[in-house]
Protein backbone atom coordinates (compact mmCIF):
# COMPACT_ATOMS: atom_id res chain seq x y z
CA UNK A 1 -99.01 71.18 -66.89
CA UNK A 2 -98.11 68.14 -64.72
CA UNK A 3 -99.44 69.95 -61.57
CA UNK A 4 -102.58 70.96 -63.54
CA UNK A 5 -103.29 67.41 -64.63
CA UNK A 6 -102.84 66.17 -61.03
CA UNK A 7 -105.14 68.92 -59.76
CA UNK A 8 -107.99 68.21 -62.15
CA UNK A 9 -107.67 64.40 -61.95
CA UNK A 10 -110.04 64.18 -58.94
CA UNK A 11 -112.34 67.07 -59.89
CA UNK A 12 -115.65 67.08 -61.79
CA UNK A 13 -114.70 69.90 -64.17
CA UNK A 14 -117.96 70.77 -65.82
CA UNK A 15 -116.79 73.87 -67.72
CA UNK A 16 -113.53 75.21 -68.96
CA UNK A 17 -113.21 78.88 -70.10
CA UNK A 18 -109.98 79.60 -71.99
CA UNK A 19 -109.78 83.39 -71.62
CA UNK A 20 -106.07 84.13 -71.13
CA UNK A 21 -104.47 86.07 -73.97
CA UNK A 22 -101.68 88.54 -74.62
CA UNK A 23 -101.22 91.09 -77.43
CA UNK A 24 -97.74 92.39 -76.34
CA UNK A 25 -95.55 93.76 -77.83
CA UNK A 26 -98.45 95.59 -79.54
CA UNK A 27 -98.43 97.21 -82.96
CA UNK A 28 -95.06 96.30 -84.57
CA UNK A 29 -93.70 94.87 -87.77
CA UNK A 30 -92.66 91.29 -87.41
CA UNK A 31 -88.94 91.97 -87.94
CA UNK A 32 -88.83 94.69 -85.30
CA UNK A 33 -89.12 92.42 -82.29
CA UNK A 34 -87.01 89.45 -81.14
CA UNK A 35 -88.63 86.15 -82.04
CA UNK A 36 -88.81 85.22 -78.33
CA UNK A 37 -91.63 87.81 -77.93
CA UNK A 38 -93.69 86.00 -80.58
CA UNK A 39 -92.96 82.64 -79.04
CA UNK A 40 -94.26 83.86 -75.65
CA UNK A 41 -97.45 85.08 -77.33
CA UNK A 42 -97.98 81.78 -79.10
CA UNK A 43 -97.37 79.86 -75.88
CA UNK A 44 -100.16 81.75 -74.05
CA UNK A 45 -102.68 82.23 -76.87
CA UNK A 46 -102.40 78.83 -78.57
CA UNK A 47 -100.22 76.33 -76.79
CA UNK A 48 -101.54 76.84 -73.25
CA UNK A 49 -105.12 76.81 -74.48
CA UNK A 50 -104.43 73.52 -76.21
CA UNK A 51 -102.71 71.92 -73.26
CA UNK A 52 -105.33 72.93 -70.72
CA UNK A 53 -108.12 71.73 -72.96
CA UNK A 54 -106.36 68.36 -73.34
CA UNK A 55 -106.05 68.08 -69.59
CA UNK A 56 -109.77 68.36 -68.84
CA UNK A 57 -111.15 66.40 -71.83
CA UNK A 58 -110.54 62.89 -70.48
CA UNK A 59 -112.66 63.59 -67.35
CA UNK A 60 -115.45 65.14 -69.44
CA UNK A 61 -115.42 62.05 -71.72
CA UNK A 62 -115.74 59.67 -68.76
CA UNK A 63 -118.66 61.61 -67.45
CA UNK A 64 -120.29 62.13 -70.84
CA UNK A 65 -120.80 65.88 -70.28
CA UNK A 66 -118.97 69.15 -70.22
CA UNK A 67 -118.52 72.56 -71.88
CA UNK A 68 -115.42 74.27 -73.24
CA UNK A 69 -115.59 77.98 -74.07
CA UNK A 70 -112.66 79.48 -75.92
CA UNK A 71 -112.44 83.26 -76.24
CA UNK A 72 -111.32 84.25 -79.71
CA UNK A 73 -111.18 87.74 -81.19
CA UNK A 74 -113.14 89.74 -83.70
CA UNK A 75 -109.81 90.64 -85.29
CA UNK A 76 -109.62 87.05 -86.65
CA UNK A 77 -113.27 86.77 -87.57
CA UNK A 78 -114.84 90.06 -88.63
CA UNK A 79 -111.83 91.74 -90.21
CA UNK A 80 -110.01 90.85 -93.45
CA UNK A 81 -106.58 91.47 -91.88
CA UNK A 82 -105.06 92.94 -88.73
CA UNK A 83 -101.79 94.57 -89.83
CA UNK A 84 -98.97 95.03 -87.28
CA UNK A 85 -100.66 92.39 -85.05
CA UNK A 86 -100.03 89.49 -87.40
CA UNK A 87 -98.99 86.90 -84.81
CA UNK A 88 -101.76 87.86 -82.43
CA UNK A 89 -104.51 87.55 -85.07
CA UNK A 90 -102.99 84.29 -86.29
CA UNK A 91 -103.12 82.79 -82.79
CA UNK A 92 -106.76 83.92 -82.43
CA UNK A 93 -107.61 82.33 -85.77
CA UNK A 94 -106.13 79.17 -84.42
CA UNK A 95 -108.53 79.34 -81.49
CA UNK A 96 -111.49 79.69 -83.85
CA UNK A 97 -110.54 76.71 -86.05
CA UNK A 98 -109.47 74.59 -83.04
CA UNK A 99 -112.89 75.17 -81.46
CA UNK A 100 -114.83 74.33 -84.61
CA UNK A 101 -113.07 71.06 -85.16
CA UNK A 102 -113.27 70.00 -81.47
CA UNK A 103 -117.02 70.75 -81.55
CA UNK A 104 -117.53 68.30 -84.38
CA UNK A 105 -115.25 65.71 -82.73
CA UNK A 106 -116.86 65.72 -79.23
CA UNK A 107 -120.50 66.80 -79.82
CA UNK A 108 -121.69 63.19 -79.83
CA UNK A 109 -119.91 62.57 -76.52
CA UNK A 110 -121.99 65.22 -74.71
CA UNK A 111 -119.24 67.88 -74.69
CA UNK A 112 -120.11 71.27 -76.05
CA UNK A 113 -117.20 73.33 -77.53
CA UNK A 114 -117.79 76.95 -78.37
CA UNK A 115 -115.67 79.89 -79.61
CA UNK A 116 -116.93 83.29 -78.54
CA UNK A 117 -115.79 86.20 -80.66
CA UNK A 118 -115.75 89.53 -78.79
CA UNK A 119 -114.97 92.80 -80.47
CA UNK A 120 -114.23 95.92 -78.41
CA UNK A 121 -114.18 95.31 -74.66
CA UNK A 122 -112.71 97.73 -72.15
CA UNK A 123 -109.47 95.94 -71.24
CA UNK A 124 -105.77 96.72 -71.41
CA UNK A 125 -105.71 95.38 -74.95
CA UNK A 126 -108.02 98.12 -76.23
CA UNK A 127 -106.32 101.37 -77.10
CA UNK A 128 -107.43 104.64 -75.57
CA UNK A 129 -108.45 105.81 -79.06
CA UNK A 130 -110.91 102.94 -79.38
CA UNK A 131 -112.37 103.70 -75.95
CA UNK A 132 -113.56 107.10 -77.26
CA UNK A 133 -116.33 105.25 -79.14
CA UNK A 134 -118.04 104.50 -75.90
CA UNK A 135 -121.27 103.17 -77.35
CA UNK A 136 -119.34 100.37 -79.04
CA UNK A 137 -117.01 99.38 -76.16
CA UNK A 138 -118.44 97.00 -73.60
CA UNK A 139 -117.44 96.80 -70.01
CA UNK A 140 -116.03 93.39 -68.92
CA UNK A 141 -119.15 92.81 -66.79
CA UNK A 142 -121.48 93.62 -69.66
CA UNK A 143 -119.70 91.25 -71.91
CA UNK A 144 -119.55 88.53 -69.32
CA UNK A 145 -123.35 88.68 -68.78
CA UNK A 146 -123.94 88.22 -72.52
CA UNK A 147 -121.31 85.52 -72.81
CA UNK A 148 -122.76 83.35 -70.07
CA UNK A 149 -126.23 83.45 -71.67
CA UNK A 150 -124.81 82.15 -74.94
CA UNK A 151 -122.90 79.15 -73.61
CA UNK A 152 -124.24 76.02 -75.26
CA UNK A 153 -125.87 77.89 -78.19
CA UNK A 154 -123.74 77.34 -81.23
CA UNK A 155 -120.10 76.57 -82.03
CA UNK A 156 -119.26 80.15 -83.00
CA UNK A 157 -121.01 83.18 -81.55
CA UNK A 158 -120.83 86.94 -81.02
CA UNK A 159 -122.73 87.20 -77.73
CA UNK A 160 -123.51 90.88 -77.47
CA UNK A 161 -125.83 92.79 -79.83
CA UNK A 162 -123.46 95.75 -79.78
CA UNK A 163 -120.64 93.60 -81.10
CA UNK A 164 -122.88 92.05 -83.71
CA UNK A 165 -123.63 95.60 -84.89
CA UNK A 166 -119.91 96.33 -85.05
CA UNK A 167 -119.40 93.22 -87.21
CA UNK A 168 -122.17 94.20 -89.55
CA UNK A 169 -120.70 97.70 -89.91
CA UNK A 170 -117.24 96.28 -90.72
CA UNK A 171 -118.64 93.95 -93.42
CA UNK A 172 -120.27 96.98 -95.10
CA UNK A 173 -116.82 98.19 -96.30
CA UNK A 174 -114.68 96.64 -98.97
CA UNK A 175 -111.60 94.81 -97.71
CA UNK A 176 -109.06 97.22 -99.14
CA UNK A 177 -110.73 100.14 -97.33
CA UNK A 178 -110.75 98.31 -94.01
CA UNK A 179 -107.12 97.15 -94.55
CA UNK A 180 -105.94 100.68 -95.21
CA UNK A 181 -107.85 102.14 -92.32
CA UNK A 182 -106.46 99.54 -89.86
CA UNK A 183 -102.90 99.99 -91.17
CA UNK A 184 -103.04 103.73 -90.61
CA UNK A 185 -104.52 103.38 -87.16
CA UNK A 186 -101.99 100.74 -86.13
CA UNK A 187 -99.06 102.73 -87.44
CA UNK A 188 -100.11 105.53 -85.07
CA UNK A 189 -100.26 102.98 -82.26
CA UNK A 190 -96.80 101.78 -83.25
CA UNK A 191 -95.41 105.27 -82.72
CA UNK A 192 -96.97 105.47 -79.28
CA UNK A 193 -95.72 101.98 -78.27
CA UNK A 194 -92.18 102.82 -79.44
CA UNK A 195 -92.16 105.99 -77.29
CA UNK A 196 -93.42 104.01 -74.31
CA UNK A 197 -90.70 101.39 -74.75
CA UNK A 198 -88.04 104.07 -75.06
CA UNK A 199 -89.30 105.82 -71.95
CA UNK A 200 -89.34 102.54 -69.99
CA UNK A 201 -85.76 101.75 -71.04
CA UNK A 202 -84.63 105.25 -69.85
CA UNK A 203 -86.40 104.69 -66.53
CA UNK A 204 -84.80 101.30 -66.05
CA UNK A 205 -81.39 102.69 -66.90
CA UNK A 206 -81.95 105.45 -64.36
CA UNK A 207 -82.99 102.96 -61.64
CA UNK A 208 -79.95 100.82 -62.39
CA UNK A 209 -77.66 103.83 -62.18
CA UNK A 210 -79.18 104.95 -58.88
CA UNK A 211 -78.89 101.41 -57.48
CA UNK A 212 -75.21 101.23 -58.52
CA UNK A 213 -74.52 104.57 -56.85
CA UNK A 214 -76.28 103.48 -53.66
CA UNK A 215 -74.18 100.25 -53.65
CA UNK A 216 -70.98 102.21 -54.04
CA UNK A 217 -71.82 104.50 -51.21
CA UNK A 218 -72.59 101.48 -48.95
CA UNK A 219 -69.20 99.89 -49.84
CA UNK A 220 -67.37 103.13 -49.13
């Protein structure tokens, strides 16, 4: 953060886009993962976003202009809950409320703060099952084009029409139906993630064993 503040001190930063985010370790119950994993997620999704925003705001205030775009998530906006991703959805809700309040605080100073709320975008965070619904999953380029056109138009927005349609469809169902459907889907993801973690551990153990054997041969 010190290096960042020094780097932006002499720059005319007109726009900041806070887009970094992590969802690892994926679909799990809170007690199943060491607390350090949740702390890492909070550091990226909430703390880093706050620190970087605080670093550029003084320059924007001096110049009387600027735009800050924070990328939230439909999981914290369109859905009643997001089971097995509780910390992730909480951090994204933070982004939404943080953006709303900053917008009110700095609007009169010529600084526009906006939270964009994407739904399904083809990234590593979207499961392969969701990608089967191709007509509802945007490519990163398609989302970016829509996102750019909406900057400066509202504090909270869902830039793409396909995503707005997804949000409307979700609101059609009662909360308990959506909650149950998401829990069942995420429990299936949990099984897949557990298998992947188990496989990775076995691979790492194999590599460590091979490395130890190679070391012994060299010593001999």
